Amino acid sequence: MSVFLLGGGRDVARCGDLLRPFVREARERAGDRPAVIAVLLVLEADDESSVARFAAVLEAAGATANELRITTIVVGEVFDTAVLDADALFVGGGLTPAYRAAVGPIRDAVTDRVRDGMPYAGFSAGSSIAAGPALIGGYRLGGVEVVSEDAGEELDEVEVRPGLGLLDFAVDVHAAQWGTLSRLVAAVEAGLVSDGVAIDEHTALVISAQAAPAVHGSGQVWRVESAASGVLITVLRP
């Protein structure tokens, strides 16, 4: 079982390179039959590009179009467990609170499949909701701004809600690019979460049952945890 957490990014080739091991694991799980990679996307009403964009990322990772089974819903709808009849699961990016709500009904089924060996890849929102304590957005804490409003995911106060539970720490994304490290620091300092990571764009944190956690890509992963003196930040590099 491996969980691939990507911090986002617009460069298709660079993101695809980070997902090549994910595609390989999908094929290993499929064995002699063609692999099926379930791609779950939650689209806003005016979104006309995400389907092609995420298909291109996975194809850049080596997947064929025939291996991708893309399921799209719009904000406010939810996924059914039938989407999990696959060898691997990729959850894309977009409005994080909408993704968290959309996977609510299949949360336990996702956890069971991943624990049984299904590889999981999250991209931006898909990474944030993989956590047990999912940091889904917000830009103020106690009325004080802790990150730009542009990174608030259409929420005011910072919110933590139950995620998929694939990890026991929180995840924030677009760390260096959107400045979200400060939101995670504030969430840990306030006790909303005990610890977490903020992942840069074009960077992946890979959690595997077979190996120690590893960082890949061109950026960094910022580990944030409580400490006697307040908050401790450790930088993890490839």
Protein backbone atom coordinates (compact mmCIF):
# COMPACT_ATOMS: atom_id res chain seq x y z
CA MET A 1 0.00 0.00 0.00
CA SER A 2 1.30 3.43 -0.96
CA VAL A 3 -0.24 6.86 -0.53
CA PHE A 4 1.04 9.57 -2.86
CA LEU A 5 0.41 13.14 -1.70
CA LEU A 6 1.07 15.83 -4.30
CA GLY A 7 1.07 19.49 -3.31
CA GLY A 8 -0.32 20.65 -6.65
CA GLY A 9 1.29 22.39 -9.61
CA ARG A 10 0.47 23.28 -13.20
CA ASP A 11 3.36 21.59 -15.01
CA VAL A 12 1.86 18.41 -16.45
CA ALA A 13 5.17 16.69 -17.14
CA ARG A 14 6.62 17.36 -13.68
CA CYS A 15 3.45 16.19 -11.94
CA GLY A 16 3.31 13.15 -14.18
CA ASP A 17 6.86 12.14 -13.26
CA LEU A 18 5.86 12.11 -9.57
CA LEU A 19 3.01 9.70 -10.32
CA ARG A 20 4.91 7.11 -12.35
CA PRO A 21 5.32 4.81 -9.30
CA PHE A 22 1.58 5.15 -8.65
CA VAL A 23 0.77 3.90 -12.15
CA ARG A 24 3.25 1.05 -11.75
CA GLU A 25 1.58 -0.01 -8.50
CA ALA A 26 -1.82 0.04 -10.20
CA ARG A 27 -0.54 -2.33 -12.88
CA GLU A 28 1.11 -4.60 -10.32
CA ARG A 29 -2.19 -4.85 -8.47
CA ALA A 30 -4.03 -5.65 -11.71
CA GLY A 31 -1.69 -8.51 -12.54
CA ASP A 32 -2.36 -10.05 -15.94
CA ARG A 33 -5.44 -7.99 -16.76
CA PRO A 34 -5.53 -4.33 -17.83
CA ALA A 35 -5.29 -1.93 -14.90
CA VAL A 36 -8.18 0.32 -13.91
CA ILE A 37 -7.31 3.66 -12.34
CA ALA A 38 -10.33 5.39 -10.83
CA VAL A 39 -10.07 9.16 -11.21
CA LEU A 40 -12.47 11.17 -9.03
CA LEU A 41 -13.06 14.84 -9.83
CA VAL A 42 -15.41 17.38 -8.25
CA LEU A 43 -16.04 20.17 -10.75
CA GLU A 44 -17.29 23.67 -10.23
CA ALA A 45 -19.99 24.84 -12.61
CA ASP A 46 -17.65 26.69 -14.98
CA ASP A 47 -14.84 24.09 -14.95
CA GLU A 48 -14.10 23.07 -18.52
CA SER A 49 -10.46 22.07 -18.14
CA SER A 50 -9.94 19.75 -15.16
CA VAL A 51 -10.90 16.51 -16.89
CA ALA A 52 -8.39 17.02 -19.70
CA ARG A 53 -5.78 18.35 -17.30
CA PHE A 54 -5.80 15.43 -14.89
CA ALA A 55 -6.04 12.89 -17.70
CA ALA A 56 -2.92 14.50 -19.20
CA VAL A 57 -1.10 14.30 -15.85
CA LEU A 58 -1.81 10.59 -15.51
CA GLU A 59 -0.93 9.91 -19.12
CA ALA A 60 2.35 11.78 -18.50
CA ALA A 61 2.85 9.29 -15.65
CA GLY A 62 2.62 6.46 -18.18
CA ALA A 63 -1.05 5.52 -17.94
CA THR A 64 -3.01 4.89 -21.10
CA ALA A 65 -6.38 6.49 -21.77
CA ASN A 66 -7.97 3.03 -21.60
CA GLU A 67 -6.66 2.55 -18.06
CA LEU A 68 -8.34 5.71 -16.77
CA ARG A 69 -11.93 5.60 -15.54
CA ILE A 70 -12.84 9.19 -14.85
CA THR A 71 -15.89 9.98 -12.71
CA THR A 72 -16.96 13.60 -12.46
CA ILE A 73 -19.56 15.18 -10.22
CA VAL A 74 -20.35 18.82 -9.51
CA VAL A 75 -19.98 20.65 -6.22
CA GLY A 76 -22.71 19.46 -3.85
CA GLU A 77 -22.93 15.91 -5.20
CA VAL A 78 -21.33 12.81 -3.66
CA PHE A 79 -19.53 9.72 -4.91
CA ASP A 80 -20.92 6.18 -4.76
CA THR A 81 -18.85 3.18 -3.69
CA ALA A 82 -19.12 1.78 -7.23
CA VAL A 83 -16.32 4.16 -8.24
CA LEU A 84 -13.93 2.11 -6.10
CA ASP A 85 -14.12 -0.98 -8.29
CA ALA A 86 -10.57 -0.31 -9.51
CA ASP A 87 -6.92 -1.14 -8.96
CA ALA A 88 -5.89 2.36 -7.88
CA LEU A 89 -7.56 5.58 -6.81
CA PHE A 90 -6.63 9.12 -7.86
CA VAL A 91 -8.46 12.07 -6.28
CA GLY A 92 -7.91 15.37 -8.04
CA GLY A 93 -7.79 18.99 -7.04
CA GLY A 94 -10.28 21.79 -6.76
CA LEU A 95 -12.41 23.15 -3.95
CA THR A 96 -11.27 21.18 -0.90
CA PRO A 97 -14.48 21.44 1.18
CA ALA A 98 -16.44 20.11 -1.82
CA TYR A 99 -14.08 17.14 -2.22
CA ARG A 100 -14.30 16.35 1.48
CA ALA A 101 -18.11 16.35 1.34
CA ALA A 102 -18.14 14.31 -1.88
CA VAL A 103 -16.11 11.43 -0.41
CA GLY A 104 -18.02 11.37 2.87
CA PRO A 105 -20.29 8.44 1.90
CA ILE A 106 -17.36 6.33 0.64
CA ARG A 107 -14.89 7.17 3.40
CA ASP A 108 -14.88 3.76 5.08
CA ALA A 109 -14.78 1.92 1.76
CA VAL A 110 -11.76 3.95 0.62
CA THR A 111 -9.95 3.24 3.88
CA ASP A 112 -10.65 -0.48 3.59
CA ARG A 113 -9.45 -0.64 -0.04
CA VAL A 114 -6.24 1.25 0.68
CA ARG A 115 -5.47 -0.89 3.72
CA ASP A 116 -6.02 -3.91 1.47
CA GLY A 117 -3.31 -2.66 -0.88
CA MET A 118 -4.96 -0.24 -3.29
CA PRO A 119 -2.57 2.64 -4.07
CA TYR A 120 -4.00 6.12 -3.49
CA ALA A 121 -2.87 9.38 -5.05
CA GLY A 122 -4.14 12.79 -4.03
CA PHE A 123 -3.51 16.00 -5.92
CA SER A 124 -3.91 19.20 -3.87
CA ALA A 125 -7.44 18.78 -2.43
CA GLY A 126 -7.09 15.02 -2.83
CA SER A 127 -4.02 15.16 -0.59
CA SER A 128 -5.65 17.34 2.07
CA ILE A 129 -8.67 15.05 2.46
CA ALA A 130 -6.53 11.91 2.71
CA ALA A 131 -5.76 12.84 6.31
CA GLY A 132 -7.74 11.77 9.36
CA PRO A 133 -7.95 15.39 10.54
CA ALA A 134 -8.51 17.12 7.17
CA LEU A 135 -7.50 20.78 7.09
CA ILE A 136 -9.96 21.87 4.41
CA GLY A 137 -9.45 25.64 4.30
CA GLY A 138 -10.13 28.95 5.93
CA TYR A 139 -7.88 31.97 6.24
CA ARG A 140 -8.57 33.28 9.74
CA LEU A 141 -8.21 31.75 13.18
CA GLY A 142 -10.00 33.49 15.98
CA GLY A 143 -10.62 36.35 13.59
CA VAL A 144 -6.88 36.79 12.88
CA GLU A 145 -5.64 36.26 9.32
CA VAL A 146 -3.18 33.36 9.15
CA VAL A 147 -2.95 33.05 5.35
CA SER A 148 -4.11 34.99 2.33
CA GLU A 149 -7.88 35.02 1.80
CA ASP A 150 -7.16 33.72 -1.72
CA ALA A 151 -6.08 30.43 -0.12
CA GLY A 152 -9.16 30.19 2.07
CA GLU A 153 -11.09 27.72 -0.13
CA GLU A 154 -14.20 29.92 0.24
CA LEU A 155 -14.12 29.50 4.02
CA ASP A 156 -13.58 32.20 6.62
CA GLU A 157 -12.37 30.47 9.79
CA VAL A 158 -9.85 27.64 9.50
CA GLU A 159 -11.73 24.35 9.55
CA VAL A 160 -10.67 20.80 10.33
CA ARG A 161 -13.11 18.00 9.53
CA PRO A 162 -12.83 14.20 9.44
CA GLY A 163 -11.07 13.12 6.27
CA LEU A 164 -10.46 9.72 4.70
CA GLY A 165 -8.25 8.64 7.58
CA LEU A 166 -5.40 7.28 5.48
CA LEU A 167 -2.96 9.33 7.59
CA ASP A 168 -2.94 10.38 11.22
CA PHE A 169 -1.55 13.87 10.52
CA ALA A 170 -2.98 16.87 8.70
CA VAL A 171 -1.95 17.92 5.19
CA ASP A 172 -1.85 21.37 3.61
CA VAL A 173 -0.77 22.00 0.02
CA HIS A 174 0.69 24.67 -2.29
CA ALA A 175 2.88 25.46 0.73
CA ALA A 176 5.57 27.81 -0.60
CA GLN A 177 3.46 29.03 -3.51
CA TRP A 178 0.32 30.04 -1.56
CA GLY A 179 1.91 30.55 1.84
CA THR A 180 -0.23 27.86 3.47
CA LEU A 181 2.54 26.80 5.83
CA SER A 182 1.43 29.62 8.12
CA ARG A 183 -2.10 28.19 8.24
CA LEU A 184 -0.81 24.79 9.29
CA VAL A 185 1.44 26.37 11.93
CA ALA A 186 -1.53 28.30 13.29
CA ALA A 187 -3.70 25.17 13.32
CA VAL A 188 -1.08 23.21 15.27
CA GLU A 189 -0.42 26.07 17.68
CA ALA A 190 -4.16 26.41 18.35
CA GLY A 191 -4.55 22.67 18.93
CA LEU A 192 -6.86 22.10 15.97
CA VAL A 193 -4.44 19.38 14.83
CA SER A 194 -1.50 17.86 16.68
CA ASP A 195 0.84 17.79 13.68
CA GLY A 196 0.93 17.89 9.91
CA VAL A 197 2.81 18.55 6.70
CA ALA A 198 2.61 21.36 4.17
CA ILE A 199 3.65 20.21 0.69
CA ASP A 200 5.06 22.45 -2.04
CA GLU A 201 3.82 22.31 -5.62
CA HIS A 202 5.51 19.82 -7.96
CA THR A 203 6.44 17.84 -4.86
CA ALA A 204 5.17 14.54 -3.49
CA LEU A 205 5.27 12.90 -0.09
CA VAL A 206 5.01 9.13 -0.48
CA ILE A 207 3.85 7.02 2.46
CA SER A 208 4.41 3.31 1.96
CA ALA A 209 3.98 0.24 4.10
CA GLN A 210 7.22 -1.10 2.62
CA ALA A 211 9.52 1.89 3.13
CA ALA A 212 10.12 5.04 5.11
CA PRO A 213 8.25 8.18 3.99
CA ALA A 214 9.99 9.82 1.04
CA VAL A 215 9.91 13.24 -0.62
CA HIS A 216 10.18 13.55 -4.40
CA GLY A 217 10.09 16.48 -6.79
CA SER A 218 11.47 19.99 -6.96
CA GLY A 219 10.14 21.45 -3.71
CA GLN A 220 10.03 20.68 -0.03
CA VAL A 221 7.71 19.24 2.59
CA TRP A 222 7.37 21.21 5.81
CA ARG A 223 6.74 19.08 8.89
CA VAL A 224 4.95 20.95 11.69
CA GLU A 225 4.42 19.55 15.17
CA SER A 226 3.76 20.70 18.70
CA ALA A 227 6.77 21.25 20.94
CA ALA A 228 7.35 22.36 24.50
CA SER A 229 8.48 25.74 23.21
CA GLY A 230 5.47 26.11 20.88
CA VAL A 231 5.69 24.75 17.34
CA LEU A 232 8.57 22.87 15.71
CA ILE A 233 9.08 23.03 11.92
CA THR A 234 11.30 20.55 10.11
CA VAL A 235 12.09 20.79 6.41
CA LEU A 236 12.04 17.51 4.46
CA ARG A 237 13.79 17.50 1.09
CA PRO A 238 14.07 14.97 -1.75
